[in-house]
Protein backbone atom coordinates (compact mmCIF):
# COMPACT_ATOMS: atom_id res chain seq x y z
CA UNK A 1 92.38 126.58 125.70
CA UNK A 2 94.64 124.18 123.84
CA UNK A 3 93.61 120.55 123.60
CA UNK A 4 95.75 118.22 125.70
CA UNK A 5 98.26 116.20 123.75
CA UNK A 6 97.01 112.74 122.88
CA UNK A 7 99.10 109.64 122.38
CA UNK A 8 99.62 108.71 118.74
CA UNK A 9 100.24 105.09 117.86
CA UNK A 10 102.95 104.20 115.37
CA UNK A 11 100.28 103.03 112.94
CA UNK A 12 98.56 106.42 113.14
CA UNK A 13 101.92 108.14 112.69
CA UNK A 14 102.51 106.10 109.54
CA UNK A 15 98.97 106.77 108.33
CA UNK A 16 99.37 110.53 108.63
CA UNK A 17 102.77 110.43 106.94
CA UNK A 18 101.39 108.54 103.94
CA UNK A 19 98.39 110.86 103.72
CA UNK A 20 100.69 113.90 103.77
CA UNK A 21 102.75 112.40 100.94
CA UNK A 22 99.58 112.05 98.86
CA UNK A 23 98.09 115.43 99.76
CA UNK A 24 101.34 117.28 99.05
CA UNK A 25 101.60 115.71 95.62
CA UNK A 26 104.87 113.98 96.52
CA UNK A 27 103.24 110.79 95.22
CA UNK A 28 100.36 110.53 92.78
CA UNK A 29 97.92 107.96 91.38
CA UNK A 30 99.73 104.75 90.45
CA UNK A 31 102.85 105.51 92.53
CA UNK A 32 103.99 102.82 94.98
CA UNK A 33 104.10 103.27 98.73
CA UNK A 34 106.66 100.91 100.26
CA UNK A 35 106.88 99.99 103.92
CA UNK A 36 110.67 100.36 103.74
CA UNK A 37 110.39 103.96 102.50
CA UNK A 38 108.02 104.94 105.29
CA UNK A 39 110.05 103.00 107.86
CA UNK A 40 113.19 104.90 106.89
CA UNK A 41 111.40 108.26 107.00
CA UNK A 42 109.83 107.70 110.42
CA UNK A 43 112.33 105.38 112.08
CA UNK A 44 109.72 102.79 112.99
CA UNK A 45 109.30 99.10 112.17
CA UNK A 46 107.32 97.95 109.16
CA UNK A 47 104.56 96.16 111.14
CA UNK A 48 102.55 99.29 112.12
CA UNK A 49 103.13 100.65 108.60
CA UNK A 50 101.42 97.59 107.12
CA UNK A 51 98.51 98.23 109.49
CA UNK A 52 98.30 101.84 108.30
CA UNK A 53 98.40 100.75 104.66
CA UNK A 54 95.55 98.27 105.19
CA UNK A 55 93.46 101.00 106.81
CA UNK A 56 94.16 103.50 104.02
CA UNK A 57 93.33 100.87 101.42
CA UNK A 58 89.95 100.23 103.07
CA UNK A 59 89.18 103.96 102.83
CA UNK A 60 90.15 104.31 99.17
CA UNK A 61 93.48 106.12 99.57
CA UNK A 62 95.54 103.14 98.42
CA UNK A 63 95.04 100.08 96.25
CA UNK A 64 96.88 96.87 97.18
CA UNK A 65 97.82 95.08 93.96
CA UNK A 66 99.20 91.56 93.61
CA UNK A 67 102.97 91.39 92.95
CA UNK A 68 103.19 95.20 93.21
CA UNK A 69 102.04 96.19 96.68
CA UNK A 70 100.32 99.40 97.76
CA UNK A 71 99.85 102.11 95.14
CA UNK A 72 98.13 105.49 95.39
CA UNK A 73 94.60 105.13 94.14
CA UNK A 74 93.12 107.72 91.82
CA UNK A 75 89.42 108.42 91.61
CA UNK A 76 87.06 108.11 88.67
CA UNK A 77 84.59 110.85 87.78
CA UNK A 78 81.64 108.90 89.21
CA UNK A 79 83.49 108.38 92.49
CA UNK A 80 84.36 112.08 92.77
CA UNK A 81 80.74 112.99 92.08
CA UNK A 82 79.56 110.65 94.83
CA UNK A 83 82.17 111.81 97.37
CA UNK A 84 81.45 115.49 96.73
CA UNK A 85 77.72 114.86 97.22
CA UNK A 86 78.39 112.95 100.43
CA UNK A 87 80.66 115.67 101.79
CA UNK A 88 78.07 118.32 101.04
CA UNK A 89 75.23 116.47 102.72
CA UNK A 90 77.26 115.39 105.74
CA UNK A 91 78.71 118.86 106.32
CA UNK A 92 75.27 120.41 105.79
CA UNK A 93 73.79 118.07 108.39
CA UNK A 94 76.60 118.95 110.81
CA UNK A 95 75.74 122.64 110.44
CA UNK A 96 72.04 122.08 111.13
CA UNK A 97 72.67 119.76 114.09
CA UNK A 98 75.36 122.03 115.48
CA UNK A 99 73.46 125.31 115.01
CA UNK A 100 73.76 126.30 118.72
CA UNK A 101 77.57 126.35 118.39
CA UNK A 102 77.67 129.16 115.84
CA UNK A 103 77.83 131.85 118.48
CA UNK A 104 79.73 135.15 118.31
CA UNK A 105 83.01 133.47 119.26
CA UNK A 106 82.73 130.75 116.60
CA UNK A 107 81.70 133.28 113.95
CA UNK A 108 84.67 135.49 114.84
CA UNK A 109 86.97 132.49 114.40
CA UNK A 110 85.41 131.81 111.00
CA UNK A 111 86.01 135.47 110.07
CA UNK A 112 89.67 135.10 111.05
CA UNK A 113 89.95 131.92 109.00
CA UNK A 114 88.51 133.58 105.91
CA UNK A 115 90.81 136.58 106.30
CA UNK A 116 93.87 134.31 106.65
CA UNK A 117 92.76 132.31 103.59
CA UNK A 118 92.43 135.54 101.55
CA UNK A 119 95.86 136.81 102.64
CA UNK A 120 97.50 133.46 101.82
CA UNK A 121 95.79 133.45 98.43
CA UNK A 122 97.10 136.95 97.67
CA UNK A 123 100.63 135.71 98.45
CA UNK A 124 99.99 132.51 96.45
CA UNK A 125 100.91 130.51 99.53
CA UNK A 126 98.88 127.53 98.42
CA UNK A 127 100.01 125.26 101.24
CA UNK A 128 98.56 127.71 103.75
CA UNK A 129 95.41 128.10 101.63
CA UNK A 130 94.92 124.31 101.82
CA UNK A 131 95.41 124.42 105.59
CA UNK A 132 92.88 127.23 106.02
CA UNK A 133 90.41 125.45 103.76
CA UNK A 134 90.68 122.36 105.96
CA UNK A 135 90.23 124.48 109.10
CA UNK A 136 87.14 126.16 107.62
CA UNK A 137 85.38 122.83 107.18
CA UNK A 138 86.48 121.79 110.67
CA UNK A 139 84.80 124.92 112.04
CA UNK A 140 81.59 123.89 110.29
CA UNK A 141 81.55 120.23 111.26
CA UNK A 142 83.32 119.78 114.60
CA UNK A 143 80.32 120.11 116.93
CA UNK A 144 79.29 118.11 120.03
CA UNK A 145 75.96 117.38 118.33
CA UNK A 146 77.54 115.95 115.16
CA UNK A 147 80.48 113.68 116.11
CA UNK A 148 79.69 111.12 113.41
CA UNK A 149 79.40 113.80 110.75
CA UNK A 150 82.80 115.08 111.80
CA UNK A 151 84.28 111.58 111.71
CA UNK A 152 82.91 110.95 108.22
CA UNK A 153 84.27 114.27 106.95
CA UNK A 154 87.65 113.42 108.47
CA UNK A 155 87.64 110.05 106.69
CA UNK A 156 86.96 111.80 103.39
CA UNK A 157 89.65 114.41 103.99
CA UNK A 158 91.90 114.60 100.99
CA UNK A 159 89.62 112.59 98.70
CA UNK A 160 88.83 115.84 96.88
CA UNK A 161 92.39 117.16 96.85
CA UNK A 162 93.57 118.33 93.42
CA UNK A 163 97.19 117.63 94.43
CA UNK A 164 96.24 114.01 95.00
CA UNK A 165 95.54 113.77 91.27
CA UNK A 166 98.72 115.55 90.23
CA UNK A 167 96.89 118.82 89.55
CA UNK A 168 98.69 121.96 90.77
CA UNK A 169 96.68 124.58 92.69
CA UNK A 170 94.31 126.49 90.41
CA UNK A 171 94.16 130.11 91.56
CA UNK A 172 90.81 130.94 89.98
CA UNK A 173 89.08 127.97 91.64
CA UNK A 174 90.59 128.88 95.01
CA UNK A 175 89.24 132.42 94.57
CA UNK A 176 85.79 131.03 93.80
CA UNK A 177 86.00 128.77 96.85
CA UNK A 178 86.84 131.77 99.02
CA UNK A 179 83.73 133.57 97.75
CA UNK A 180 81.68 130.46 98.57
CA UNK A 181 83.16 130.33 102.09
CA UNK A 182 82.12 133.94 102.62
CA UNK A 183 78.56 133.21 101.48
CA UNK A 184 78.33 130.27 103.90
CA UNK A 185 79.66 132.48 106.70
CA UNK A 186 77.08 135.17 105.90
CA UNK A 187 74.26 132.62 106.11
CA UNK A 188 75.54 131.42 109.48
CA UNK A 189 75.76 134.99 110.74
CA UNK A 190 72.16 135.56 109.65
CA UNK A 191 71.09 132.46 111.57
CA UNK A 192 69.91 130.72 108.40
CA UNK A 193 71.43 127.30 109.07
CA UNK A 194 69.33 125.51 106.47
CA UNK A 195 70.49 128.04 103.89
CA UNK A 196 74.11 127.57 104.98
CA UNK A 197 73.69 123.80 104.63
CA UNK A 198 72.41 124.22 101.07
CA UNK A 199 75.36 126.46 100.21
CA UNK A 200 77.79 123.85 101.54
CA UNK A 201 76.19 121.22 99.31
CA UNK A 202 76.64 123.50 96.30
CA UNK A 203 80.20 124.36 97.37
CA UNK A 204 81.18 120.68 97.46
CA UNK A 205 79.44 120.04 94.13
CA UNK A 206 81.37 122.93 92.58
CA UNK A 207 84.62 121.45 93.88
CA UNK A 208 83.74 118.02 92.53
CA UNK A 209 82.72 119.34 89.12
CA UNK A 210 85.93 121.37 88.89
CA UNK A 211 88.09 118.36 89.80
CA UNK A 212 86.33 116.14 87.26
CA UNK A 213 86.88 118.75 84.56
CA UNK A 214 90.56 119.12 85.42
CA UNK A 215 91.16 115.37 85.45
CA UNK A 216 89.48 115.02 82.07
CA UNK A 217 91.94 117.58 80.67
CA UNK A 218 95.08 115.87 81.96
CA UNK A 219 95.65 113.65 78.87
CA UNK A 220 95.32 116.68 76.57
CA UNK A 221 97.69 118.70 78.74
CA UNK A 222 100.25 115.88 78.72
CA UNK A 223 100.04 115.59 74.94
CA UNK A 224 100.64 119.33 74.52
CA UNK A 225 103.69 119.11 76.77
CA UNK A 226 105.12 116.27 74.70
CA UNK A 227 104.53 118.07 71.39
């Protein structure tokens, strides 16, 4: 059954638009986000956009700088390490609390998600891969027993996005992530929820370590391009 449509405030509309700009790589760390730009794109006044910007700044998506305004905030290695650890522990807790929900129907949906991810990866449809990756973590965390875990994971959505840091999709890492998703699924199917939680922690750590490594290589990559 489809969820009934819920009313979206103009501030939430602006929030999602700005997040999509960041996640798609349309804007990167240090780029400005202006209320006028968002207002023109959405056809809404600038007041709810300012509200959205304040909210995103409080969550670490944006940095409000004097005389400049809102700019996309990058993440340091220590921040990425902390966020990846948090995501792993929160998602792992959601799995253990929500164990009763991983019935045959939920597991079949996870199978379908993994298959769609694999097909999109074969086609190098990286936008769809990102969507299926997001849906996979939703299937792990969105349980009646773990609403706060789900909310926290939602708030951290995109913090670990490579595109956010100006890094194009890396096929080999996406392949590794798919293998990790399959291992988590296999643990869930076996009823080993503690084991699945441990795999999720490792999965998030792997993602964080990869992102840190890629960010550290950006200056060298830029220098080679300029040579």
